[in-house]
Amino acid sequence: LHDGSGVLAESRQVDARRHGELLLPAVD
């Protein structure tokens, strides 16, 4: 999440087989 001045928060998980499981929880 970026407010135009800087990054407010970030999530990154490396797992090539679980994109569908991990994306929405990461957004939350």
PDB file of all heavy atoms in Angstrom:
ATOM      1  N   LEU A   1       0.857  -1.181   0.000  1.00  0.00           N
ATOM      2  CA  LEU A   1       0.000   0.000   0.000  1.00  0.00           C
ATOM      3  C   LEU A   1       0.891   1.228   0.000  1.00  0.00           C
ATOM      4  O   LEU A   1       1.840   1.322   0.791  1.00  0.00           O
ATOM      5  CB  LEU A   1      -0.909  -0.010   1.225  1.00  0.00           C
ATOM      6  CG  LEU A   1      -2.161   0.867   1.170  1.00  0.00           C
ATOM      7  CD1 LEU A   1      -3.116   0.381   0.080  1.00  0.00           C
ATOM      8  CD2 LEU A   1      -2.868   0.868   2.520  1.00  0.00           C
ATOM      9  N   HIS A   2       0.604   2.179  -0.884  1.00  0.00           N
ATOM     10  CA  HIS A   2       1.446   3.363  -1.096  1.00  0.00           C
ATOM     11  C   HIS A   2       0.549   4.595  -1.130  1.00  0.00           C
ATOM     12  O   HIS A   2      -0.493   4.586  -1.794  1.00  0.00           O
ATOM     13  CB  HIS A   2       2.185   3.198  -2.427  1.00  0.00           C
ATOM     14  CG  HIS A   2       3.329   4.124  -2.640  1.00  0.00           C
ATOM     15  ND1 HIS A   2       3.181   5.489  -2.807  1.00  0.00           N
ATOM     16  CD2 HIS A   2       4.664   3.882  -2.739  1.00  0.00           C
ATOM     17  CE1 HIS A   2       4.366   6.040  -3.003  1.00  0.00           C
ATOM     18  NE2 HIS A   2       5.283   5.093  -2.968  1.00  0.00           N
ATOM     19  N   ASP A   3       0.920   5.639  -0.406  1.00  0.00           N
ATOM     20  CA  ASP A   3       0.059   6.831  -0.332  1.00  0.00           C
ATOM     21  C   ASP A   3       0.495   7.961  -1.257  1.00  0.00           C
ATOM     22  O   ASP A   3       0.023   9.099  -1.135  1.00  0.00           O
ATOM     23  CB  ASP A   3      -0.023   7.340   1.104  1.00  0.00           C
ATOM     24  CG  ASP A   3       1.298   7.882   1.628  1.00  0.00           C
ATOM     25  OD1 ASP A   3       2.316   7.822   0.895  1.00  0.00           O
ATOM     26  OD2 ASP A   3       1.330   8.356   2.781  1.00  0.00           O
ATOM     27  N   GLY A   4       1.392   7.656  -2.205  1.00  0.00           N
ATOM     28  CA  GLY A   4       1.874   8.685  -3.115  1.00  0.00           C
ATOM     29  C   GLY A   4       3.151   9.329  -2.643  1.00  0.00           C
ATOM     30  O   GLY A   4       3.872   9.951  -3.423  1.00  0.00           O
ATOM     31  N   SER A   5       3.460   9.172  -1.356  1.00  0.00           N
ATOM     32  CA  SER A   5       4.719   9.675  -0.790  1.00  0.00           C
ATOM     33  C   SER A   5       5.635   8.552  -0.338  1.00  0.00           C
ATOM     34  O   SER A   5       6.846   8.692  -0.349  1.00  0.00           O
ATOM     35  CB  SER A   5       4.436  10.602   0.401  1.00  0.00           C
ATOM     36  OG  SER A   5       3.692  11.727  -0.005  1.00  0.00           O
ATOM     37  N   GLY A   6       5.046   7.437   0.076  1.00  0.00           N
ATOM     38  CA  GLY A   6       5.860   6.336   0.561  1.00  0.00           C
ATOM     39  C   GLY A   6       5.039   5.082   0.749  1.00  0.00           C
ATOM     40  O   GLY A   6       3.796   5.107   0.720  1.00  0.00           O
ATOM     41  N   VAL A   7       5.726   3.970   0.942  1.00  0.00           N
ATOM     42  CA  VAL A   7       5.080   2.684   1.168  1.00  0.00           C
ATOM     43  C   VAL A   7       4.617   2.616   2.616  1.00  0.00           C
ATOM     44  O   VAL A   7       5.406   2.796   3.544  1.00  0.00           O
ATOM     45  CB  VAL A   7       6.049   1.522   0.855  1.00  0.00           C
ATOM     46  CG1 VAL A   7       5.412   0.180   1.195  1.00  0.00           C
ATOM     47  CG2 VAL A   7       6.451   1.550  -0.614  1.00  0.00           C
ATOM     48  N   LEU A   8       3.336   2.338   2.821  1.00  0.00           N
ATOM     49  CA  LEU A   8       2.769   2.272   4.165  1.00  0.00           C
ATOM     50  C   LEU A   8       2.894   0.875   4.771  1.00  0.00           C
ATOM     51  O   LEU A   8       3.049   0.733   5.986  1.00  0.00           O
ATOM     52  CB  LEU A   8       1.292   2.678   4.129  1.00  0.00           C
ATOM     53  CG  LEU A   8       0.987   4.061   3.555  1.00  0.00           C
ATOM     54  CD1 LEU A   8      -0.516   4.305   3.573  1.00  0.00           C
ATOM     55  CD2 LEU A   8       1.732   5.145   4.333  1.00  0.00           C
ATOM     56  N   ALA A   9       2.793  -0.147   3.936  1.00  0.00           N
ATOM     57  CA  ALA A   9       2.885  -1.527   4.424  1.00  0.00           C
ATOM     58  C   ALA A   9       3.130  -2.443   3.229  1.00  0.00           C
ATOM     59  O   ALA A   9       2.738  -2.127   2.102  1.00  0.00           O
ATOM     60  CB  ALA A   9       1.613  -1.940   5.148  1.00  0.00           C
ATOM     61  N   GLU A  10       3.785  -3.572   3.494  1.00  0.00           N
ATOM     62  CA  GLU A  10       4.075  -4.531   2.431  1.00  0.00           C
ATOM     63  C   GLU A  10       4.037  -5.937   2.982  1.00  0.00           C
ATOM     64  O   GLU A  10       4.374  -6.186   4.152  1.00  0.00           O
ATOM     65  CB  GLU A  10       5.456  -4.278   1.815  1.00  0.00           C
ATOM     66  CG  GLU A  10       5.813  -5.272   0.709  1.00  0.00           C
ATOM     67  CD  GLU A  10       7.256  -5.180   0.244  1.00  0.00           C
ATOM     68  OE1 GLU A  10       8.070  -4.559   0.951  1.00  0.00           O
ATOM     69  OE2 GLU A  10       7.564  -5.740  -0.819  1.00  0.00           O
ATOM     70  N   SER A  11       3.623  -6.887   2.134  1.00  0.00           N
ATOM     71  CA  SER A  11       3.674  -8.305   2.460  1.00  0.00           C
ATOM     72  C   SER A  11       4.275  -9.042   1.275  1.00  0.00           C
ATOM     73  O   SER A  11       3.955  -8.729   0.122  1.00  0.00           O
ATOM     74  CB  SER A  11       2.264  -8.853   2.744  1.00  0.00           C
ATOM     75  OG  SER A  11       2.284 -10.259   2.863  1.00  0.00           O
ATOM     76  N   ARG A  12       5.151 -10.010   1.564  1.00  0.00           N
ATOM     77  CA  ARG A  12       5.703 -10.842   0.489  1.00  0.00           C
ATOM     78  C   ARG A  12       5.957 -12.240   1.019  1.00  0.00           C
ATOM     79  O   ARG A  12       6.646 -12.418   2.010  1.00  0.00           O
ATOM     80  CB  ARG A  12       6.998 -10.256  -0.084  1.00  0.00           C
ATOM     81  CG  ARG A  12       7.529 -11.086  -1.244  1.00  0.00           C
ATOM     82  CD  ARG A  12       8.649 -10.405  -1.996  1.00  0.00           C
ATOM     83  NE  ARG A  12       9.822 -10.182  -1.184  1.00  0.00           N
ATOM     84  CZ  ARG A  12      11.013  -9.846  -1.684  1.00  0.00           C
ATOM     85  NH1 ARG A  12      11.154  -9.665  -2.984  1.00  0.00           N
ATOM     86  NH2 ARG A  12      12.044  -9.657  -0.893  1.00  0.00           N
ATOM     87  N   GLN A  13       5.369 -13.232   0.358  1.00  0.00           N
ATOM     88  CA  GLN A  13       5.574 -14.634   0.685  1.00  0.00           C
ATOM     89  C   GLN A  13       5.950 -15.363  -0.597  1.00  0.00           C
ATOM     90  O   GLN A  13       5.279 -15.217  -1.621  1.00  0.00           O
ATOM     91  CB  GLN A  13       4.303 -15.244   1.282  1.00  0.00           C
ATOM     92  CG  GLN A  13       3.886 -14.617   2.607  1.00  0.00           C
ATOM     93  CD  GLN A  13       2.484 -15.027   2.997  1.00  0.00           C
ATOM     94  OE1 GLN A  13       1.501 -14.413   2.575  1.00  0.00           O
ATOM     95  NE2 GLN A  13       2.378 -16.065   3.803  1.00  0.00           N
ATOM     96  N   VAL A  14       7.002 -16.156  -0.548  1.00  0.00           N
ATOM     97  CA  VAL A  14       7.473 -16.876  -1.732  1.00  0.00           C
ATOM     98  C   VAL A  14       6.969 -18.309  -1.676  1.00  0.00           C
ATOM     99  O   VAL A  14       7.406 -19.097  -0.844  1.00  0.00           O
ATOM    100  CB  VAL A  14       9.009 -16.836  -1.837  1.00  0.00           C
ATOM    101  CG1 VAL A  14       9.478 -17.617  -3.065  1.00  0.00           C
ATOM    102  CG2 VAL A  14       9.502 -15.394  -1.911  1.00  0.00           C
ATOM    103  N   ASP A  15       6.024 -18.624  -2.559  1.00  0.00           N
ATOM    104  CA  ASP A  15       5.452 -19.965  -2.645  1.00  0.00           C
ATOM    105  C   ASP A  15       4.778 -20.079  -4.009  1.00  0.00           C
ATOM    106  O   ASP A  15       3.677 -19.568  -4.212  1.00  0.00           O
ATOM    107  CB  ASP A  15       4.448 -20.211  -1.522  1.00  0.00           C
ATOM    108  CG  ASP A  15       4.019 -21.672  -1.429  1.00  0.00           C
ATOM    109  OD1 ASP A  15       4.004 -22.348  -2.479  1.00  0.00           O
ATOM    110  OD2 ASP A  15       3.707 -22.130  -0.323  1.00  0.00           O
ATOM    111  N   ALA A  16       5.435 -20.757  -4.933  1.00  0.00           N
ATOM    112  CA  ALA A  16       4.967 -20.792  -6.319  1.00  0.00           C
ATOM    113  C   ALA A  16       3.661 -21.540  -6.510  1.00  0.00           C
ATOM    114  O   ALA A  16       3.034 -21.419  -7.563  1.00  0.00           O
ATOM    115  CB  ALA A  16       6.044 -21.421  -7.204  1.00  0.00           C
ATOM    116  N   ARG A  17       3.217 -22.301  -5.508  1.00  0.00           N
ATOM    117  CA  ARG A  17       2.027 -23.135  -5.681  1.00  0.00           C
ATOM    118  C   ARG A  17       0.810 -22.649  -4.889  1.00  0.00           C
ATOM    119  O   ARG A  17      -0.224 -23.308  -4.901  1.00  0.00           O
ATOM    120  CB  ARG A  17       2.342 -24.577  -5.268  1.00  0.00           C
ATOM    121  CG  ARG A  17       3.418 -25.218  -6.123  1.00  0.00           C
ATOM    122  CD  ARG A  17       3.656 -26.664  -5.728  1.00  0.00           C
ATOM    123  NE  ARG A  17       4.694 -27.268  -6.539  1.00  0.00           N
ATOM    124  CZ  ARG A  17       4.509 -27.814  -7.740  1.00  0.00           C
ATOM    125  NH1 ARG A  17       3.283 -27.831  -8.247  1.00  0.00           N
ATOM    126  NH2 ARG A  17       5.502 -28.345  -8.409  1.00  0.00           N
ATOM    127  N   ARG A  18       0.912 -21.513  -4.201  1.00  0.00           N
ATOM    128  CA  ARG A  18      -0.182 -21.110  -3.316  1.00  0.00           C
ATOM    129  C   ARG A  18      -0.615 -19.658  -3.537  1.00  0.00           C
ATOM    130  O   ARG A  18      -1.092 -18.999  -2.622  1.00  0.00           O
ATOM    131  CB  ARG A  18       0.217 -21.328  -1.857  1.00  0.00           C
ATOM    132  CG  ARG A  18       0.517 -22.777  -1.521  1.00  0.00           C
ATOM    133  CD  ARG A  18       0.969 -22.904  -0.071  1.00  0.00           C
ATOM    134  NE  ARG A  18      -0.077 -22.459   0.849  1.00  0.00           N
ATOM    135  CZ  ARG A  18       0.160 -21.878   2.021  1.00  0.00           C
ATOM    136  NH1 ARG A  18       1.416 -21.610   2.396  1.00  0.00           N
ATOM    137  NH2 ARG A  18      -0.836 -21.535   2.817  1.00  0.00           N
ATOM    138  N   HIS A  19      -0.485 -19.169  -4.758  1.00  0.00           N
ATOM    139  CA  HIS A  19      -0.871 -17.792  -5.030  1.00  0.00           C
ATOM    140  C   HIS A  19      -2.319 -17.520  -4.626  1.00  0.00           C
ATOM    141  O   HIS A  19      -2.629 -16.501  -4.002  1.00  0.00           O
ATOM    142  CB  HIS A  19      -0.697 -17.464  -6.518  1.00  0.00           C
ATOM    143  CG  HIS A  19       0.717 -17.454  -6.979  1.00  0.00           C
ATOM    144  ND1 HIS A  19       1.366 -18.588  -7.406  1.00  0.00           N
ATOM    145  CD2 HIS A  19       1.618 -16.446  -7.087  1.00  0.00           C
ATOM    146  CE1 HIS A  19       2.601 -18.278  -7.768  1.00  0.00           C
ATOM    147  NE2 HIS A  19       2.779 -16.983  -7.579  1.00  0.00           N
ATOM    148  N   GLY A  20      -3.223 -18.441  -4.999  1.00  0.00           N
ATOM    149  CA  GLY A  20      -4.630 -18.241  -4.715  1.00  0.00           C
ATOM    150  C   GLY A  20      -4.955 -18.234  -3.233  1.00  0.00           C
ATOM    151  O   GLY A  20      -5.854 -17.523  -2.787  1.00  0.00           O
ATOM    152  N   GLU A  21      -4.222 -19.028  -2.454  1.00  0.00           N
ATOM    153  CA  GLU A  21      -4.454 -19.086  -1.013  1.00  0.00           C
ATOM    154  C   GLU A  21      -3.895 -17.875  -0.275  1.00  0.00           C
ATOM    155  O   GLU A  21      -4.460 -17.428   0.723  1.00  0.00           O
ATOM    156  CB  GLU A  21      -3.797 -20.336  -0.424  1.00  0.00           C
ATOM    157  CG  GLU A  21      -4.374 -21.655  -0.888  1.00  0.00           C
ATOM    158  CD  GLU A  21      -3.574 -22.809  -0.310  1.00  0.00           C
ATOM    159  OE1 GLU A  21      -3.353 -22.819   0.908  1.00  0.00           O
ATOM    160  OE2 GLU A  21      -3.149 -23.684  -1.082  1.00  0.00           O
ATOM    161  N   LEU A  22      -2.775 -17.360  -0.757  1.00  0.00           N
ATOM    162  CA  LEU A  22      -2.038 -16.363   0.007  1.00  0.00           C
ATOM    163  C   LEU A  22      -2.400 -14.914  -0.309  1.00  0.00           C
ATOM    164  O   LEU A  22      -2.190 -14.027   0.517  1.00  0.00           O
ATOM    165  CB  LEU A  22      -0.529 -16.547  -0.229  1.00  0.00           C
ATOM    166  CG  LEU A  22       0.065 -17.887   0.208  1.00  0.00           C
ATOM    167  CD1 LEU A  22       1.527 -17.980  -0.220  1.00  0.00           C
ATOM    168  CD2 LEU A  22      -0.059 -18.065   1.714  1.00  0.00           C
ATOM    169  N   LEU A  23      -2.941 -14.658  -1.506  1.00  0.00           N
ATOM    170  CA  LEU A  23      -3.081 -13.267  -1.937  1.00  0.00           C
ATOM    171  C   LEU A  23      -4.074 -12.469  -1.100  1.00  0.00           C
ATOM    172  O   LEU A  23      -3.741 -11.393  -0.585  1.00  0.00           O
ATOM    173  CB  LEU A  23      -3.462 -13.206  -3.414  1.00  0.00           C
ATOM    174  CG  LEU A  23      -3.587 -11.787  -3.994  1.00  0.00           C
ATOM    175  CD1 LEU A  23      -2.295 -11.008  -3.808  1.00  0.00           C
ATOM    176  CD2 LEU A  23      -3.989 -11.839  -5.459  1.00  0.00           C
ATOM    177  N   LEU A  24      -5.294 -12.943  -0.953  1.00  0.00           N
ATOM    178  CA  LEU A  24      -6.300 -12.151  -0.228  1.00  0.00           C
ATOM    179  C   LEU A  24      -5.941 -11.951   1.246  1.00  0.00           C
ATOM    180  O   LEU A  24      -6.094 -10.836   1.772  1.00  0.00           O
ATOM    181  CB  LEU A  24      -7.676 -12.775  -0.376  1.00  0.00           C
ATOM    182  CG  LEU A  24      -8.290 -12.646  -1.782  1.00  0.00           C
ATOM    183  CD1 LEU A  24      -9.648 -13.329  -1.824  1.00  0.00           C
ATOM    184  CD2 LEU A  24      -8.401 -11.194  -2.205  1.00  0.00           C
ATOM    185  N   PRO A  25      -5.445 -12.974   1.960  1.00  0.00           N
ATOM    186  CA  PRO A  25      -4.981 -12.715   3.327  1.00  0.00           C
ATOM    187  C   PRO A  25      -3.868 -11.672   3.381  1.00  0.00           C
ATOM    188  O   PRO A  25      -3.787 -10.892   4.333  1.00  0.00           O
ATOM    189  CB  PRO A  25      -4.497 -14.084   3.799  1.00  0.00           C
ATOM    190  CG  PRO A  25      -5.292 -15.067   3.003  1.00  0.00           C
ATOM    191  CD  PRO A  25      -5.441 -14.422   1.658  1.00  0.00           C
ATOM    192  N   ALA A  26      -3.012 -11.660   2.359  1.00  0.00           N
ATOM    193  CA  ALA A  26      -1.942 -10.662   2.320  1.00  0.00           C
ATOM    194  C   ALA A  26      -2.519  -9.254   2.163  1.00  0.00           C
ATOM    195  O   ALA A  26      -2.040  -8.295   2.776  1.00  0.00           O
ATOM    196  CB  ALA A  26      -0.977 -10.964   1.186  1.00  0.00           C
ATOM    197  N   VAL A  27      -3.549  -9.119   1.333  1.00  0.00           N
ATOM    198  CA  VAL A  27      -4.205  -7.812   1.173  1.00  0.00           C
ATOM    199  C   VAL A  27      -4.786  -7.357   2.504  1.00  0.00           C
ATOM    200  O   VAL A  27      -4.625  -6.200   2.921  1.00  0.00           O
ATOM    201  CB  VAL A  27      -5.302  -7.885   0.093  1.00  0.00           C
ATOM    202  CG1 VAL A  27      -6.123  -6.592   0.078  1.00  0.00           C
ATOM    203  CG2 VAL A  27      -4.696  -8.141  -1.280  1.00  0.00           C
ATOM    204  N   ASP A  28      -5.461  -8.273   3.203  1.00  0.00           N
ATOM    205  CA  ASP A  28      -6.041  -7.933   4.509  1.00  0.00           C
ATOM    206  C   ASP A  28      -4.968  -7.487   5.498  1.00  0.00           C
ATOM    207  O   ASP A  28      -5.149  -6.507   6.243  1.00  0.00           O
ATOM    208  CB  ASP A  28      -6.784  -9.152   5.086  1.00  0.00           C
ATOM    209  CG  ASP A  28      -8.099  -9.411   4.376  1.00  0.00           C
ATOM    210  OD1 ASP A  28      -8.605  -8.494   3.695  1.00  0.00           O
ATOM    211  OD2 ASP A  28      -8.622 -10.533   4.487  1.00  0.00           O
TER     212      ASP A  28
END
